[in-house]
């Protein structure tokens, strides 16, 4: 196990050596992820394990836990969403090799120079884990949405409808 995460690794050497990396990474160190967040505070806890499965498929297992600041689309208030990633990425040299990956593997295309940036891998997986529409589970719906329909409110309590006069004219 290594606590320091190198900027770049040789993917195939990491697989042969069955290397593992574990530690924490500031969320602020991932600029593409920060663009989608309300705040870049916090640390992502990660573990990367390189290896081969019983069929000889080279892979990297990515496990990440991170508290991400998102903007709730219901209330437009920031909130912290704990995100957990646990994925197995099959390392491939060309897009043709993707079809040969077994179920349970997501493809990860390794550059021609065999270099892989572990921080980019972690950032990509966190980006993929973000919800399309973030909603704070503790938020309440706005009153405009939750108030009863006008038909359920007694007539004397309803606000004046400017089109009521037109409705009366149409009946004549």
C-alpha atoms as a PDB file:
ATOM      1  CA  UNK A   1       0.000   0.000   0.000  1.00  0.00           C
ATOM      2  CA  UNK A   2       1.180   3.478  -0.804  1.00  0.00           C
ATOM      3  CA  UNK A   3      -0.177   6.598   0.889  1.00  0.00           C
ATOM      4  CA  UNK A   4       1.117   9.057  -1.693  1.00  0.00           C
ATOM      5  CA  UNK A   5      -0.602   9.184  -5.045  1.00  0.00           C
ATOM      6  CA  UNK A   6       1.810   9.780  -7.950  1.00  0.00           C
ATOM      7  CA  UNK A   7       0.840  12.220 -10.666  1.00  0.00           C
ATOM      8  CA  UNK A   8       1.273   9.519 -13.323  1.00  0.00           C
ATOM      9  CA  UNK A   9       1.813   5.757 -13.289  1.00  0.00           C
ATOM     10  CA  UNK A  10       2.596   3.091 -15.861  1.00  0.00           C
ATOM     11  CA  UNK A  11      -0.725   1.217 -15.892  1.00  0.00           C
ATOM     12  CA  UNK A  12       0.667  -2.151 -16.986  1.00  0.00           C
ATOM     13  CA  UNK A  13       3.511  -2.063 -14.445  1.00  0.00           C
ATOM     14  CA  UNK A  14       0.979  -1.323 -11.699  1.00  0.00           C
ATOM     15  CA  UNK A  15      -1.084  -4.313 -12.826  1.00  0.00           C
ATOM     16  CA  UNK A  16       1.982  -6.624 -12.903  1.00  0.00           C
ATOM     17  CA  UNK A  17       3.085  -5.461  -9.453  1.00  0.00           C
ATOM     18  CA  UNK A  18      -0.513  -5.584  -8.092  1.00  0.00           C
ATOM     19  CA  UNK A  19       0.029  -2.110  -6.627  1.00  0.00           C
ATOM     20  CA  UNK A  20      -2.428  -0.400  -4.330  1.00  0.00           C
ATOM     21  CA  UNK A  21      -2.756   3.230  -3.380  1.00  0.00           C
ATOM     22  CA  UNK A  22      -4.758   4.475  -0.443  1.00  0.00           C
ATOM     23  CA  UNK A  23      -5.141   7.901   1.126  1.00  0.00           C
ATOM     24  CA  UNK A  24      -7.012  11.162   0.960  1.00  0.00           C
ATOM     25  CA  UNK A  25      -7.133  13.803  -1.722  1.00  0.00           C
ATOM     26  CA  UNK A  26      -8.438  17.380  -1.398  1.00  0.00           C
ATOM     27  CA  UNK A  27     -11.557  17.883  -3.475  1.00  0.00           C
ATOM     28  CA  UNK A  28     -10.060  21.232  -4.529  1.00  0.00           C
ATOM     29  CA  UNK A  29      -7.343  19.243  -6.390  1.00  0.00           C
ATOM     30  CA  UNK A  30      -9.961  18.069  -8.921  1.00  0.00           C
ATOM     31  CA  UNK A  31     -10.856  21.146 -11.028  1.00  0.00           C
ATOM     32  CA  UNK A  32     -13.413  19.497 -13.335  1.00  0.00           C
ATOM     33  CA  UNK A  33     -15.328  18.173 -10.332  1.00  0.00           C
ATOM     34  CA  UNK A  34     -15.162  21.558  -8.584  1.00  0.00           C
ATOM     35  CA  UNK A  35     -16.962  23.162 -11.549  1.00  0.00           C
ATOM     36  CA  UNK A  36     -20.038  21.055 -10.723  1.00  0.00           C
ATOM     37  CA  UNK A  37     -19.937  21.721  -6.971  1.00  0.00           C
ATOM     38  CA  UNK A  38     -21.157  24.542  -4.745  1.00  0.00           C
ATOM     39  CA  UNK A  39     -17.936  24.402  -2.679  1.00  0.00           C
ATOM     40  CA  UNK A  40     -14.610  22.589  -2.990  1.00  0.00           C
ATOM     41  CA  UNK A  41     -14.213  21.887   0.737  1.00  0.00           C
ATOM     42  CA  UNK A  42     -13.428  18.434   2.060  1.00  0.00           C
ATOM     43  CA  UNK A  43     -11.313  15.390   1.375  1.00  0.00           C
ATOM     44  CA  UNK A  44     -11.972  12.367  -0.800  1.00  0.00           C
ATOM     45  CA  UNK A  45     -10.843   9.076   0.763  1.00  0.00           C
ATOM     46  CA  UNK A  46      -9.652   6.743  -1.990  1.00  0.00           C
ATOM     47  CA  UNK A  47      -8.278   3.273  -2.582  1.00  0.00           C
ATOM     48  CA  UNK A  48      -6.982   2.124  -5.967  1.00  0.00           C
ATOM     49  CA  UNK A  49      -6.096  -1.556  -6.468  1.00  0.00           C
ATOM     50  CA  UNK A  50      -4.439  -2.719  -9.688  1.00  0.00           C
ATOM     51  CA  UNK A  51      -4.461  -6.377 -10.693  1.00  0.00           C
ATOM     52  CA  UNK A  52      -5.708  -9.135 -13.005  1.00  0.00           C
ATOM     53  CA  UNK A  53      -8.786 -11.280 -12.600  1.00  0.00           C
ATOM     54  CA  UNK A  54      -8.927 -15.062 -13.093  1.00  0.00           C
ATOM     55  CA  UNK A  55      -9.342 -14.566 -16.865  1.00  0.00           C
ATOM     56  CA  UNK A  56      -6.278 -12.330 -17.159  1.00  0.00           C
ATOM     57  CA  UNK A  57      -8.172  -9.056 -17.562  1.00  0.00           C
ATOM     58  CA  UNK A  58      -6.126  -6.109 -16.300  1.00  0.00           C
ATOM     59  CA  UNK A  59      -8.147  -3.849 -14.021  1.00  0.00           C
ATOM     60  CA  UNK A  60      -8.074  -1.091 -11.455  1.00  0.00           C
ATOM     61  CA  UNK A  61     -10.594  -1.151  -8.639  1.00  0.00           C
ATOM     62  CA  UNK A  62     -11.599   2.329  -7.556  1.00  0.00           C
ATOM     63  CA  UNK A  63     -13.169   2.976  -4.165  1.00  0.00           C
ATOM     64  CA  UNK A  64     -13.837   6.590  -3.170  1.00  0.00           C
ATOM     65  CA  UNK A  65     -15.841   8.241  -0.425  1.00  0.00           C
ATOM     66  CA  UNK A  66     -16.292  12.000  -0.548  1.00  0.00           C
ATOM     67  CA  UNK A  67     -18.605  14.610   0.970  1.00  0.00           C
ATOM     68  CA  UNK A  68     -19.577  16.770  -2.004  1.00  0.00           C
ATOM     69  CA  UNK A  69     -21.236  20.195  -1.747  1.00  0.00           C
ATOM     70  CA  UNK A  70     -24.093  20.389  -4.260  1.00  0.00           C
ATOM     71  CA  UNK A  71     -26.907  22.888  -4.860  1.00  0.00           C
ATOM     72  CA  UNK A  72     -30.348  21.436  -4.134  1.00  0.00           C
ATOM     73  CA  UNK A  73     -32.546  21.972  -7.190  1.00  0.00           C
ATOM     74  CA  UNK A  74     -35.651  22.056  -5.013  1.00  0.00           C
ATOM     75  CA  UNK A  75     -34.561  24.820  -2.602  1.00  0.00           C
ATOM     76  CA  UNK A  76     -31.460  26.226  -4.390  1.00  0.00           C
ATOM     77  CA  UNK A  77     -29.570  25.873  -1.094  1.00  0.00           C
ATOM     78  CA  UNK A  78     -26.166  24.151  -0.833  1.00  0.00           C
ATOM     79  CA  UNK A  79     -26.001  20.813   0.977  1.00  0.00           C
ATOM     80  CA  UNK A  80     -23.465  18.047   1.549  1.00  0.00           C
ATOM     81  CA  UNK A  81     -24.081  14.775  -0.256  1.00  0.00           C
ATOM     82  CA  UNK A  82     -21.924  11.828   0.766  1.00  0.00           C
ATOM     83  CA  UNK A  83     -20.851  10.020  -2.423  1.00  0.00           C
ATOM     84  CA  UNK A  84     -19.468   6.495  -2.485  1.00  0.00           C
ATOM     85  CA  UNK A  85     -17.873   4.988  -5.581  1.00  0.00           C
ATOM     86  CA  UNK A  86     -16.990   1.318  -5.907  1.00  0.00           C
ATOM     87  CA  UNK A  87     -16.170   0.358  -9.483  1.00  0.00           C
ATOM     88  CA  UNK A  88     -13.910  -2.003 -11.389  1.00  0.00           C
ATOM     89  CA  UNK A  89     -12.378  -0.559 -14.528  1.00  0.00           C
ATOM     90  CA  UNK A  90     -10.999  -2.893 -17.184  1.00  0.00           C
ATOM     91  CA  UNK A  91      -7.819  -1.463 -18.680  1.00  0.00           C
ATOM     92  CA  UNK A  92      -7.812  -1.499 -22.480  1.00  0.00           C
ATOM     93  CA  UNK A  93      -5.338  -0.271 -25.109  1.00  0.00           C
ATOM     94  CA  UNK A  94      -7.870   0.337 -27.895  1.00  0.00           C
ATOM     95  CA  UNK A  95     -11.607   0.735 -28.220  1.00  0.00           C
ATOM     96  CA  UNK A  96     -11.787  -2.646 -30.009  1.00  0.00           C
ATOM     97  CA  UNK A  97     -10.840  -4.369 -26.744  1.00  0.00           C
ATOM     98  CA  UNK A  98     -13.914  -2.974 -24.994  1.00  0.00           C
ATOM     99  CA  UNK A  99     -16.178  -5.712 -26.399  1.00  0.00           C
ATOM    100  CA  UNK A 100     -13.962  -8.381 -24.801  1.00  0.00           C
ATOM    101  CA  UNK A 101     -14.498  -7.034 -21.268  1.00  0.00           C
ATOM    102  CA  UNK A 102     -16.637  -9.190 -19.030  1.00  0.00           C
ATOM    103  CA  UNK A 103     -19.776  -7.977 -17.288  1.00  0.00           C
ATOM    104  CA  UNK A 104     -18.993  -5.890 -14.233  1.00  0.00           C
ATOM    105  CA  UNK A 105     -16.108  -4.045 -15.900  1.00  0.00           C
ATOM    106  CA  UNK A 106     -16.274  -0.494 -17.160  1.00  0.00           C
ATOM    107  CA  UNK A 107     -13.667   0.279 -19.849  1.00  0.00           C
ATOM    108  CA  UNK A 108     -10.744   2.584 -19.121  1.00  0.00           C
ATOM    109  CA  UNK A 109      -8.720   3.459 -22.198  1.00  0.00           C
ATOM    110  CA  UNK A 110      -5.007   3.701 -21.376  1.00  0.00           C
ATOM    111  CA  UNK A 111      -2.947   6.169 -23.418  1.00  0.00           C
ATOM    112  CA  UNK A 112      -0.422   4.889 -25.968  1.00  0.00           C
ATOM    113  CA  UNK A 113       2.453   5.750 -23.629  1.00  0.00           C
ATOM    114  CA  UNK A 114       0.867   3.425 -20.994  1.00  0.00           C
ATOM    115  CA  UNK A 115       0.583   6.352 -18.582  1.00  0.00           C
ATOM    116  CA  UNK A 116      -2.425   6.749 -16.323  1.00  0.00           C
ATOM    117  CA  UNK A 117      -3.174   9.685 -14.041  1.00  0.00           C
ATOM    118  CA  UNK A 118      -4.736   8.252 -10.846  1.00  0.00           C
ATOM    119  CA  UNK A 119      -6.211  11.608  -9.800  1.00  0.00           C
ATOM    120  CA  UNK A 120      -8.022  11.845 -13.151  1.00  0.00           C
ATOM    121  CA  UNK A 121      -9.428   8.351 -12.639  1.00  0.00           C
ATOM    122  CA  UNK A 122     -10.745   9.302  -9.184  1.00  0.00           C
ATOM    123  CA  UNK A 123     -12.161  12.574 -10.517  1.00  0.00           C
ATOM    124  CA  UNK A 124     -13.881  10.833 -13.450  1.00  0.00           C
ATOM    125  CA  UNK A 125     -15.544   8.320 -11.153  1.00  0.00           C
ATOM    126  CA  UNK A 126     -16.787  11.065  -8.808  1.00  0.00           C
ATOM    127  CA  UNK A 127     -18.155  13.038 -11.768  1.00  0.00           C
ATOM    128  CA  UNK A 128     -20.028   9.956 -12.956  1.00  0.00           C
ATOM    129  CA  UNK A 129     -21.461   9.451  -9.456  1.00  0.00           C
ATOM    130  CA  UNK A 130     -22.991  12.947  -9.298  1.00  0.00           C
ATOM    131  CA  UNK A 131     -26.784  12.966  -9.546  1.00  0.00           C
ATOM    132  CA  UNK A 132     -28.282  14.563 -12.644  1.00  0.00           C
ATOM    133  CA  UNK A 133     -30.619  16.655 -10.462  1.00  0.00           C
ATOM    134  CA  UNK A 134     -29.274  17.035  -6.924  1.00  0.00           C
ATOM    135  CA  UNK A 135     -32.000  17.207  -4.276  1.00  0.00           C
ATOM    136  CA  UNK A 136     -31.363  17.464  -0.557  1.00  0.00           C
ATOM    137  CA  UNK A 137     -33.342  14.607   1.035  1.00  0.00           C
ATOM    138  CA  UNK A 138     -33.957  16.809   4.096  1.00  0.00           C
ATOM    139  CA  UNK A 139     -35.498  19.670   2.120  1.00  0.00           C
ATOM    140  CA  UNK A 140     -39.212  20.454   1.998  1.00  0.00           C
ATOM    141  CA  UNK A 141     -41.235  21.276  -1.073  1.00  0.00           C
ATOM    142  CA  UNK A 142     -42.049  25.005  -1.495  1.00  0.00           C
ATOM    143  CA  UNK A 143     -45.526  26.123  -0.417  1.00  0.00           C
ATOM    144  CA  UNK A 144     -46.445  26.991  -4.007  1.00  0.00           C
ATOM    145  CA  UNK A 145     -46.166  23.309  -4.843  1.00  0.00           C
ATOM    146  CA  UNK A 146     -47.724  21.871  -1.693  1.00  0.00           C
ATOM    147  CA  UNK A 147     -50.710  24.221  -1.242  1.00  0.00           C
ATOM    148  CA  UNK A 148     -54.091  22.632  -2.024  1.00  0.00           C
ATOM    149  CA  UNK A 149     -55.684  23.267  -5.441  1.00  0.00           C
ATOM    150  CA  UNK A 150     -58.011  26.276  -5.730  1.00  0.00           C
ATOM    151  CA  UNK A 151     -61.081  23.990  -5.900  1.00  0.00           C
ATOM    152  CA  UNK A 152     -60.279  22.674  -2.402  1.00  0.00           C
ATOM    153  CA  UNK A 153     -60.256  26.206  -0.917  1.00  0.00           C
ATOM    154  CA  UNK A 154     -63.714  27.565   0.011  1.00  0.00           C
ATOM    155  CA  UNK A 155     -64.911  30.351  -2.330  1.00  0.00           C
ATOM    156  CA  UNK A 156     -64.886  33.029   0.361  1.00  0.00           C
ATOM    157  CA  UNK A 157     -61.199  32.312   1.121  1.00  0.00           C
ATOM    158  CA  UNK A 158     -60.046  32.338  -2.523  1.00  0.00           C
ATOM    159  CA  UNK A 159     -58.353  35.434  -3.905  1.00  0.00           C
ATOM    160  CA  UNK A 160     -60.329  37.335  -6.546  1.00  0.00           C
ATOM    161  CA  UNK A 161     -59.902  35.860  -9.993  1.00  0.00           C
ATOM    162  CA  UNK A 162     -59.550  38.556 -12.670  1.00  0.00           C
ATOM    163  CA  UNK A 163     -61.080  36.229 -15.243  1.00  0.00           C
ATOM    164  CA  UNK A 164     -64.235  35.535 -13.221  1.00  0.00           C
ATOM    165  CA  UNK A 165     -66.006  38.398 -15.008  1.00  0.00           C
ATOM    166  CA  UNK A 166     -65.164  36.867 -18.391  1.00  0.00           C
ATOM    167  CA  UNK A 167     -66.465  33.496 -17.239  1.00  0.00           C
ATOM    168  CA  UNK A 168     -69.758  35.117 -16.287  1.00  0.00           C
ATOM    169  CA  UNK A 169     -69.996  36.887 -19.664  1.00  0.00           C
ATOM    170  CA  UNK A 170     -69.351  33.627 -21.496  1.00  0.00           C
ATOM    171  CA  UNK A 171     -72.267  31.970 -19.666  1.00  0.00           C
ATOM    172  CA  UNK A 172     -74.735  34.632 -20.989  1.00  0.00           C
END
